[in-house]
Amino acid sequence: MKNSISYHLAKAIADIAIFLEFTNEKLLDQDTSIEAMEQLAMELQLMEDDDRRSFGLLLKKLSAEYKDSRKAQFVENLPESLGLE
């Protein structure tokens, strides 16, 4: 799985979402972060139902790779947060 394009795309999206969520507001404006997350969610919600479910499952599996428990939990909950479930 780690060599597939799906894995790398899911990891990139999870990492961007982590950046937007956990970056200090002195470094990243909170409103800008929220707008970016909303745009990300809107785009991902355009996927077909089966693709959204598959992507959500991939994110949940991927969450186990994060050492920081807060980030792992965030990625595990990301499908719901992005409106993919």
PDB file of N, CA and C in Angstrom:
ATOM      1  N   MET A   1       0.822  -1.195   0.000  1.00  0.00           N
ATOM      2  CA  MET A   1       0.000   0.000   0.000  1.00  0.00           C
ATOM      3  C   MET A   1       0.866   1.259   0.000  1.00  0.00           C
ATOM      4  N   LYS A   2       2.010   1.232   0.652  1.00  0.00           N
ATOM      5  CA  LYS A   2       2.817   2.443   0.805  1.00  0.00           C
ATOM      6  C   LYS A   2       3.402   2.957  -0.505  1.00  0.00           C
ATOM      7  N   ASN A   3       3.391   2.159  -1.556  1.00  0.00           N
ATOM      8  CA  ASN A   3       3.932   2.605  -2.827  1.00  0.00           C
ATOM      9  C   ASN A   3       2.856   3.049  -3.803  1.00  0.00           C
ATOM     10  N   SER A   4       1.600   2.945  -3.419  1.00  0.00           N
ATOM     11  CA  SER A   4       0.521   3.291  -4.339  1.00  0.00           C
ATOM     12  C   SER A   4       0.303   4.805  -4.374  1.00  0.00           C
ATOM     13  N   ILE A   5      -0.205   5.261  -5.493  1.00  0.00           N
ATOM     14  CA  ILE A   5      -0.497   6.686  -5.637  1.00  0.00           C
ATOM     15  C   ILE A   5      -1.571   7.096  -4.630  1.00  0.00           C
ATOM     16  N   SER A   6      -2.528   6.217  -4.368  1.00  0.00           N
ATOM     17  CA  SER A   6      -3.594   6.526  -3.405  1.00  0.00           C
ATOM     18  C   SER A   6      -3.014   6.793  -2.021  1.00  0.00           C
ATOM     19  N   TYR A   7      -2.052   5.954  -1.624  1.00  0.00           N
ATOM     20  CA  TYR A   7      -1.419   6.140  -0.317  1.00  0.00           C
ATOM     21  C   TYR A   7      -0.743   7.508  -0.248  1.00  0.00           C
ATOM     22  N   HIS A   8       0.037   7.837  -1.262  1.00  0.00           N
ATOM     23  CA  HIS A   8       0.786   9.092  -1.244  1.00  0.00           C
ATOM     24  C   HIS A   8      -0.138  10.312  -1.284  1.00  0.00           C
ATOM     25  N   LEU A   9      -1.218  10.227  -2.045  1.00  0.00           N
ATOM     26  CA  LEU A   9      -2.183  11.331  -2.073  1.00  0.00           C
ATOM     27  C   LEU A   9      -2.887  11.481  -0.726  1.00  0.00           C
ATOM     28  N   ALA A  10      -3.291  10.369  -0.134  1.00  0.00           N
ATOM     29  CA  ALA A  10      -3.946  10.419   1.174  1.00  0.00           C
ATOM     30  C   ALA A  10      -2.997  10.975   2.227  1.00  0.00           C
ATOM     31  N   LYS A  11      -1.737  10.546   2.190  1.00  0.00           N
ATOM     32  CA  LYS A  11      -0.739  11.037   3.152  1.00  0.00           C
ATOM     33  C   LYS A  11      -0.517  12.536   2.974  1.00  0.00           C
ATOM     34  N   ALA A  12      -0.436  12.991   1.737  1.00  0.00           N
ATOM     35  CA  ALA A  12      -0.244  14.418   1.472  1.00  0.00           C
ATOM     36  C   ALA A  12      -1.431  15.233   1.981  1.00  0.00           C
ATOM     37  N   ILE A  13      -2.634  14.753   1.746  1.00  0.00           N
ATOM     38  CA  ILE A  13      -3.832  15.464   2.214  1.00  0.00           C
ATOM     39  C   ILE A  13      -3.873  15.461   3.739  1.00  0.00           C
ATOM     40  N   ALA A  14      -3.559  14.330   4.358  1.00  0.00           N
ATOM     41  CA  ALA A  14      -3.542  14.264   5.824  1.00  0.00           C
ATOM     42  C   ALA A  14      -2.500  15.222   6.392  1.00  0.00           C
ATOM     43  N   ASP A  15      -1.323  15.277   5.781  1.00  0.00           N
ATOM     44  CA  ASP A  15      -0.267  16.161   6.266  1.00  0.00           C
ATOM     45  C   ASP A  15      -0.653  17.635   6.118  1.00  0.00           C
ATOM     46  N   ILE A  16      -1.298  17.977   5.019  1.00  0.00           N
ATOM     47  CA  ILE A  16      -1.769  19.360   4.841  1.00  0.00           C
ATOM     48  C   ILE A  16      -2.828  19.690   5.886  1.00  0.00           C
ATOM     49  N   ALA A  17      -3.752  18.763   6.120  1.00  0.00           N
ATOM     50  CA  ALA A  17      -4.791  18.988   7.125  1.00  0.00           C
ATOM     51  C   ALA A  17      -4.173  19.146   8.513  1.00  0.00           C
ATOM     52  N   ILE A  18      -3.171  18.338   8.829  1.00  0.00           N
ATOM     53  CA  ILE A  18      -2.470  18.471  10.115  1.00  0.00           C
ATOM     54  C   ILE A  18      -1.816  19.842  10.213  1.00  0.00           C
ATOM     55  N   PHE A  19      -1.159  20.262   9.151  1.00  0.00           N
ATOM     56  CA  PHE A  19      -0.524  21.584   9.137  1.00  0.00           C
ATOM     57  C   PHE A  19      -1.555  22.682   9.409  1.00  0.00           C
ATOM     58  N   LEU A  20      -2.687  22.606   8.727  1.00  0.00           N
ATOM     59  CA  LEU A  20      -3.717  23.633   8.893  1.00  0.00           C
ATOM     60  C   LEU A  20      -4.314  23.617  10.299  1.00  0.00           C
ATOM     61  N   GLU A  21      -4.435  22.445  10.877  1.00  0.00           N
ATOM     62  CA  GLU A  21      -5.044  22.304  12.204  1.00  0.00           C
ATOM     63  C   GLU A  21      -4.094  22.653  13.340  1.00  0.00           C
ATOM     64  N   PHE A  22      -2.847  22.266  13.222  1.00  0.00           N
ATOM     65  CA  PHE A  22      -1.933  22.356  14.361  1.00  0.00           C
ATOM     66  C   PHE A  22      -0.908  23.485  14.299  1.00  0.00           C
ATOM     67  N   THR A  23      -0.857  24.216  13.199  1.00  0.00           N
ATOM     68  CA  THR A  23       0.106  25.317  13.115  1.00  0.00           C
ATOM     69  C   THR A  23      -0.344  26.466  14.003  1.00  0.00           C
ATOM     70  N   ASN A  24       0.586  26.990  14.757  1.00  0.00           N
ATOM     71  CA  ASN A  24       0.333  28.102  15.671  1.00  0.00           C
ATOM     72  C   ASN A  24      -0.284  29.273  14.911  1.00  0.00           C
ATOM     73  N   GLU A  25      -1.291  29.907  15.508  1.00  0.00           N
ATOM     74  CA  GLU A  25      -1.973  31.003  14.825  1.00  0.00           C
ATOM     75  C   GLU A  25      -1.095  32.239  14.641  1.00  0.00           C
ATOM     76  N   LYS A  26       0.053  32.278  15.299  1.00  0.00           N
ATOM     77  CA  LYS A  26       1.012  33.354  15.034  1.00  0.00           C
ATOM     78  C   LYS A  26       1.686  33.144  13.678  1.00  0.00           C
ATOM     79  N   LEU A  27       1.758  31.893  13.250  1.00  0.00           N
ATOM     80  CA  LEU A  27       2.378  31.569  11.969  1.00  0.00           C
ATOM     81  C   LEU A  27       1.373  31.453  10.823  1.00  0.00           C
ATOM     82  N   LEU A  28       0.141  31.087  11.151  1.00  0.00           N
ATOM     83  CA  LEU A  28      -0.894  30.886  10.133  1.00  0.00           C
ATOM     84  C   LEU A  28      -2.212  31.441  10.662  1.00  0.00           C
ATOM     85  N   ASP A  29      -2.757  32.391   9.942  1.00  0.00           N
ATOM     86  CA  ASP A  29      -4.023  33.009  10.333  1.00  0.00           C
ATOM     87  C   ASP A  29      -5.113  31.936  10.448  1.00  0.00           C
ATOM     88  N   GLN A  30      -5.827  31.956  11.561  1.00  0.00           N
ATOM     89  CA  GLN A  30      -6.843  30.934  11.827  1.00  0.00           C
ATOM     90  C   GLN A  30      -7.954  30.951  10.770  1.00  0.00           C
ATOM     91  N   ASP A  31      -8.385  32.115  10.339  1.00  0.00           N
ATOM     92  CA  ASP A  31      -9.429  32.198   9.315  1.00  0.00           C
ATOM     93  C   ASP A  31      -8.955  31.599   7.994  1.00  0.00           C
ATOM     94  N   THR A  32      -7.703  31.857   7.656  1.00  0.00           N
ATOM     95  CA  THR A  32      -7.129  31.289   6.438  1.00  0.00           C
ATOM     96  C   THR A  32      -7.079  29.774   6.533  1.00  0.00           C
ATOM     97  N   SER A  33      -6.710  29.265   7.690  1.00  0.00           N
ATOM     98  CA  SER A  33      -6.657  27.824   7.912  1.00  0.00           C
ATOM     99  C   SER A  33      -8.038  27.197   7.747  1.00  0.00           C
ATOM    100  N   ILE A  34      -9.032  27.807   8.334  1.00  0.00           N
ATOM    101  CA  ILE A  34     -10.402  27.292   8.238  1.00  0.00           C
ATOM    102  C   ILE A  34     -10.889  27.315   6.796  1.00  0.00           C
ATOM    103  N   GLU A  35     -10.628  28.399   6.090  1.00  0.00           N
ATOM    104  CA  GLU A  35     -11.035  28.491   4.683  1.00  0.00           C
ATOM    105  C   GLU A  35     -10.375  27.399   3.845  1.00  0.00           C
ATOM    106  N   ALA A  36      -9.105  27.137   4.095  1.00  0.00           N
ATOM    107  CA  ALA A  36      -8.394  26.104   3.346  1.00  0.00           C
ATOM    108  C   ALA A  36      -8.985  24.721   3.642  1.00  0.00           C
ATOM    109  N   MET A  37      -9.299  24.448   4.905  1.00  0.00           N
ATOM    110  CA  MET A  37      -9.905  23.160   5.264  1.00  0.00           C
ATOM    111  C   MET A  37     -11.281  23.012   4.618  1.00  0.00           C
ATOM    112  N   GLU A  38     -12.046  24.089   4.592  1.00  0.00           N
ATOM    113  CA  GLU A  38     -13.366  24.042   3.961  1.00  0.00           C
ATOM    114  C   GLU A  38     -13.243  23.777   2.469  1.00  0.00           C
ATOM    115  N   GLN A  39     -12.280  24.412   1.815  1.00  0.00           N
ATOM    116  CA  GLN A  39     -12.062  24.190   0.387  1.00  0.00           C
ATOM    117  C   GLN A  39     -11.646  22.746   0.129  1.00  0.00           C
ATOM    118  N   LEU A  40     -10.763  22.229   0.967  1.00  0.00           N
ATOM    119  CA  LEU A  40     -10.334  20.841   0.853  1.00  0.00           C
ATOM    120  C   LEU A  40     -11.534  19.903   0.991  1.00  0.00           C
ATOM    121  N   ALA A  41     -12.348  20.153   1.996  1.00  0.00           N
ATOM    122  CA  ALA A  41     -13.527  19.315   2.231  1.00  0.00           C
ATOM    123  C   ALA A  41     -14.487  19.368   1.042  1.00  0.00           C
ATOM    124  N   MET A  42     -14.743  20.566   0.527  1.00  0.00           N
ATOM    125  CA  MET A  42     -15.670  20.696  -0.602  1.00  0.00           C
ATOM    126  C   MET A  42     -15.183  19.913  -1.815  1.00  0.00           C
ATOM    127  N   GLU A  43     -13.899  20.003  -2.089  1.00  0.00           N
ATOM    128  CA  GLU A  43     -13.353  19.281  -3.249  1.00  0.00           C
ATOM    129  C   GLU A  43     -13.438  17.775  -3.059  1.00  0.00           C
ATOM    130  N   LEU A  44     -13.086  17.292  -1.873  1.00  0.00           N
ATOM    131  CA  LEU A  44     -13.125  15.851  -1.618  1.00  0.00           C
ATOM    132  C   LEU A  44     -14.550  15.309  -1.607  1.00  0.00           C
ATOM    133  N   GLN A  45     -15.507  16.124  -1.210  1.00  0.00           N
ATOM    134  CA  GLN A  45     -16.898  15.693  -1.189  1.00  0.00           C
ATOM    135  C   GLN A  45     -17.470  15.490  -2.593  1.00  0.00           C
ATOM    136  N   LEU A  46     -16.778  15.967  -3.606  1.00  0.00           N
ATOM    137  CA  LEU A  46     -17.225  15.792  -4.990  1.00  0.00           C
ATOM    138  C   LEU A  46     -16.926  14.394  -5.531  1.00  0.00           C
ATOM    139  N   MET A  47     -16.150  13.619  -4.795  1.00  0.00           N
ATOM    140  CA  MET A  47     -15.840  12.252  -5.230  1.00  0.00           C
ATOM    141  C   MET A  47     -17.114  11.403  -5.209  1.00  0.00           C
ATOM    142  N   GLU A  48     -17.094  10.358  -6.015  1.00  0.00           N
ATOM    143  CA  GLU A  48     -18.190   9.383  -5.994  1.00  0.00           C
ATOM    144  C   GLU A  48     -18.264   8.743  -4.605  1.00  0.00           C
ATOM    145  N   ASP A  49     -19.438   8.263  -4.227  1.00  0.00           N
ATOM    146  CA  ASP A  49     -19.648   7.686  -2.895  1.00  0.00           C
ATOM    147  C   ASP A  49     -18.633   6.591  -2.566  1.00  0.00           C
ATOM    148  N   ASP A  50     -18.421   5.661  -3.484  1.00  0.00           N
ATOM    149  CA  ASP A  50     -17.477   4.563  -3.225  1.00  0.00           C
ATOM    150  C   ASP A  50     -16.056   5.096  -3.035  1.00  0.00           C
ATOM    151  N   ASP A  51     -15.688   6.097  -3.823  1.00  0.00           N
ATOM    152  CA  ASP A  51     -14.349   6.677  -3.695  1.00  0.00           C
ATOM    153  C   ASP A  51     -14.186   7.395  -2.364  1.00  0.00           C
ATOM    154  N   ARG A  52     -15.231   8.106  -1.923  1.00  0.00           N
ATOM    155  CA  ARG A  52     -15.176   8.782  -0.621  1.00  0.00           C
ATOM    156  C   ARG A  52     -15.012   7.770   0.502  1.00  0.00           C
ATOM    157  N   ARG A  53     -15.766   6.672   0.434  1.00  0.00           N
ATOM    158  CA  ARG A  53     -15.658   5.632   1.464  1.00  0.00           C
ATOM    159  C   ARG A  53     -14.260   5.009   1.459  1.00  0.00           C
ATOM    160  N   SER A  54     -13.751   4.706   0.287  1.00  0.00           N
ATOM    161  CA  SER A  54     -12.411   4.112   0.177  1.00  0.00           C
ATOM    162  C   SER A  54     -11.349   5.062   0.705  1.00  0.00           C
ATOM    163  N   PHE A  55     -11.468   6.319   0.359  1.00  0.00           N
ATOM    164  CA  PHE A  55     -10.512   7.320   0.821  1.00  0.00           C
ATOM    165  C   PHE A  55     -10.589   7.467   2.338  1.00  0.00           C
ATOM    166  N   GLY A  56     -11.800   7.473   2.874  1.00  0.00           N
ATOM    167  CA  GLY A  56     -11.978   7.552   4.323  1.00  0.00           C
ATOM    168  C   GLY A  56     -11.345   6.373   5.043  1.00  0.00           C
ATOM    169  N   LEU A  57     -11.517   5.188   4.512  1.00  0.00           N
ATOM    170  CA  LEU A  57     -10.893   4.000   5.108  1.00  0.00           C
ATOM    171  C   LEU A  57      -9.376   4.080   5.028  1.00  0.00           C
ATOM    172  N   LEU A  58      -8.865   4.590   3.924  1.00  0.00           N
ATOM    173  CA  LEU A  58      -7.423   4.743   3.774  1.00  0.00           C
ATOM    174  C   LEU A  58      -6.877   5.718   4.812  1.00  0.00           C
ATOM    175  N   LEU A  59      -7.578   6.825   5.047  1.00  0.00           N
ATOM    176  CA  LEU A  59      -7.141   7.781   6.070  1.00  0.00           C
ATOM    177  C   LEU A  59      -7.137   7.135   7.452  1.00  0.00           C
ATOM    178  N   LYS A  60      -8.158   6.355   7.746  1.00  0.00           N
ATOM    179  CA  LYS A  60      -8.221   5.688   9.055  1.00  0.00           C
ATOM    180  C   LYS A  60      -7.038   4.733   9.243  1.00  0.00           C
ATOM    181  N   LYS A  61      -6.700   3.986   8.202  1.00  0.00           N
ATOM    182  CA  LYS A  61      -5.547   3.085   8.273  1.00  0.00           C
ATOM    183  C   LYS A  61      -4.250   3.886   8.416  1.00  0.00           C
ATOM    184  N   LEU A  62      -4.165   4.958   7.676  1.00  0.00           N
ATOM    185  CA  LEU A  62      -2.979   5.812   7.676  1.00  0.00           C
ATOM    186  C   LEU A  62      -2.745   6.453   9.042  1.00  0.00           C
ATOM    187  N   SER A  63      -3.803   6.684   9.791  1.00  0.00           N
ATOM    188  CA  SER A  63      -3.685   7.352  11.093  1.00  0.00           C
ATOM    189  C   SER A  63      -2.742   6.607  12.036  1.00  0.00           C
ATOM    190  N   ALA A  64      -2.661   5.298  11.888  1.00  0.00           N
ATOM    191  CA  ALA A  64      -1.803   4.488  12.758  1.00  0.00           C
ATOM    192  C   ALA A  64      -0.315   4.785  12.546  1.00  0.00           C
ATOM    193  N   GLU A  65       0.035   5.415  11.449  1.00  0.00           N
ATOM    194  CA  GLU A  65       1.430   5.717  11.152  1.00  0.00           C
ATOM    195  C   GLU A  65       1.941   6.972  11.863  1.00  0.00           C
ATOM    196  N   TYR A  66       1.042   7.751  12.428  1.00  0.00           N
ATOM    197  CA  TYR A  66       1.446   8.980  13.106  1.00  0.00           C
ATOM    198  C   TYR A  66       1.803   8.665  14.553  1.00  0.00           C
ATOM    199  N   LYS A  67       3.001   9.057  14.950  1.00  0.00           N
ATOM    200  CA  LYS A  67       3.507   8.778  16.306  1.00  0.00           C
ATOM    201  C   LYS A  67       2.808   9.640  17.361  1.00  0.00           C
ATOM    202  N   ASP A  68       2.548  10.889  17.027  1.00  0.00           N
ATOM    203  CA  ASP A  68       1.875  11.818  17.937  1.00  0.00           C
ATOM    204  C   ASP A  68       0.405  11.401  18.041  1.00  0.00           C
ATOM    205  N   SER A  69      -0.045  11.056  19.224  1.00  0.00           N
ATOM    206  CA  SER A  69      -1.418  10.540  19.391  1.00  0.00           C
ATOM    207  C   SER A  69      -2.479  11.564  19.002  1.00  0.00           C
ATOM    208  N   ARG A  70      -2.200  12.859  19.225  1.00  0.00           N
ATOM    209  CA  ARG A  70      -3.178  13.887  18.828  1.00  0.00           C
ATOM    210  C   ARG A  70      -3.332  13.926  17.310  1.00  0.00           C
ATOM    211  N   LYS A  71      -2.225  13.818  16.616  1.00  0.00           N
ATOM    212  CA  LYS A  71      -2.269  13.834  15.152  1.00  0.00           C
ATOM    213  C   LYS A  71      -2.886  12.552  14.611  1.00  0.00           C
ATOM    214  N   ALA A  72      -2.569  11.427  15.235  1.00  0.00           N
ATOM    215  CA  ALA A  72      -3.156  10.149  14.822  1.00  0.00           C
ATOM    216  C   ALA A  72      -4.675  10.187  14.977  1.00  0.00           C
ATOM    217  N   GLN A  73      -5.139  10.702  16.099  1.00  0.00           N
ATOM    218  CA  GLN A  73      -6.584  10.808  16.341  1.00  0.00           C
ATOM    219  C   GLN A  73      -7.230  11.773  15.346  1.00  0.00           C
ATOM    220  N   PHE A  74      -6.546  12.872  15.065  1.00  0.00           N
ATOM    221  CA  PHE A  74      -7.048  13.857  14.108  1.00  0.00           C
ATOM    222  C   PHE A  74      -7.229  13.206  12.728  1.00  0.00           C
ATOM    223  N   VAL A  75      -6.227  12.467  12.268  1.00  0.00           N
ATOM    224  CA  VAL A  75      -6.303  11.825  10.950  1.00  0.00           C
ATOM    225  C   VAL A  75      -7.377  10.741  10.951  1.00  0.00           C
ATOM    226  N   GLU A  76      -7.505  10.003  12.036  1.00  0.00           N
ATOM    227  CA  GLU A  76      -8.551   8.978  12.122  1.00  0.00           C
ATOM    228  C   GLU A  76      -9.934   9.594  11.994  1.00  0.00           C
ATOM    229  N   ASN A  77     -10.123  10.789  12.557  1.00  0.00           N
ATOM    230  CA  ASN A  77     -11.413  11.472  12.512  1.00  0.00           C
ATOM    231  C   ASN A  77     -11.582  12.347  11.283  1.00  0.00           C
ATOM    232  N   LEU A  78     -10.550  12.463  10.467  1.00  0.00           N
ATOM    233  CA  LEU A  78     -10.586  13.350   9.312  1.00  0.00           C
ATOM    234  C   LEU A  78     -11.711  13.033   8.322  1.00  0.00           C
ATOM    235  N   PRO A  79     -11.992  11.768   8.011  1.00  0.00           N
ATOM    236  CA  PRO A  79     -13.087  11.504   7.072  1.00  0.00           C
ATOM    237  C   PRO A  79     -14.420  12.111   7.529  1.00  0.00           C
ATOM    238  N   GLU A  80     -14.702  12.000   8.799  1.00  0.00           N
ATOM    239  CA  GLU A  80     -15.939  12.591   9.332  1.00  0.00           C
ATOM    240  C   GLU A  80     -15.860  14.111   9.313  1.00  0.00           C
ATOM    241  N   SER A  81     -14.726  14.658   9.725  1.00  0.00           N
ATOM    242  CA  SER A  81     -14.550  16.114   9.764  1.00  0.00           C
ATOM    243  C   SER A  81     -14.684  16.741   8.386  1.00  0.00           C
ATOM    244  N   LEU A  82     -14.243  16.015   7.370  1.00  0.00           N
ATOM    245  CA  LEU A  82     -14.311  16.527   5.998  1.00  0.00           C
ATOM    246  C   LEU A  82     -15.639  16.218   5.304  1.00  0.00           C
ATOM    247  N   GLY A  83     -16.530  15.556   6.032  1.00  0.00           N
ATOM    248  CA  GLY A  83     -17.848  15.234   5.455  1.00  0.00           C
ATOM    249  C   GLY A  83     -17.810  14.110   4.440  1.00  0.00           C
ATOM    250  N   LEU A  84     -16.879  13.182   4.617  1.00  0.00           N
ATOM    251  CA  LEU A  84     -16.754  12.078   3.665  1.00  0.00           C
ATOM    252  C   LEU A  84     -17.516  10.843   4.092  1.00  0.00           C
ATOM    253  N   GLU A  85     -18.036  10.843   5.306  1.00  0.00           N
ATOM    254  CA  GLU A  85     -18.796   9.664   5.792  1.00  0.00           C
ATOM    255  C   GLU A  85     -20.266   9.943   5.766  1.00  0.00           C
TER     256      GLU A  85
END
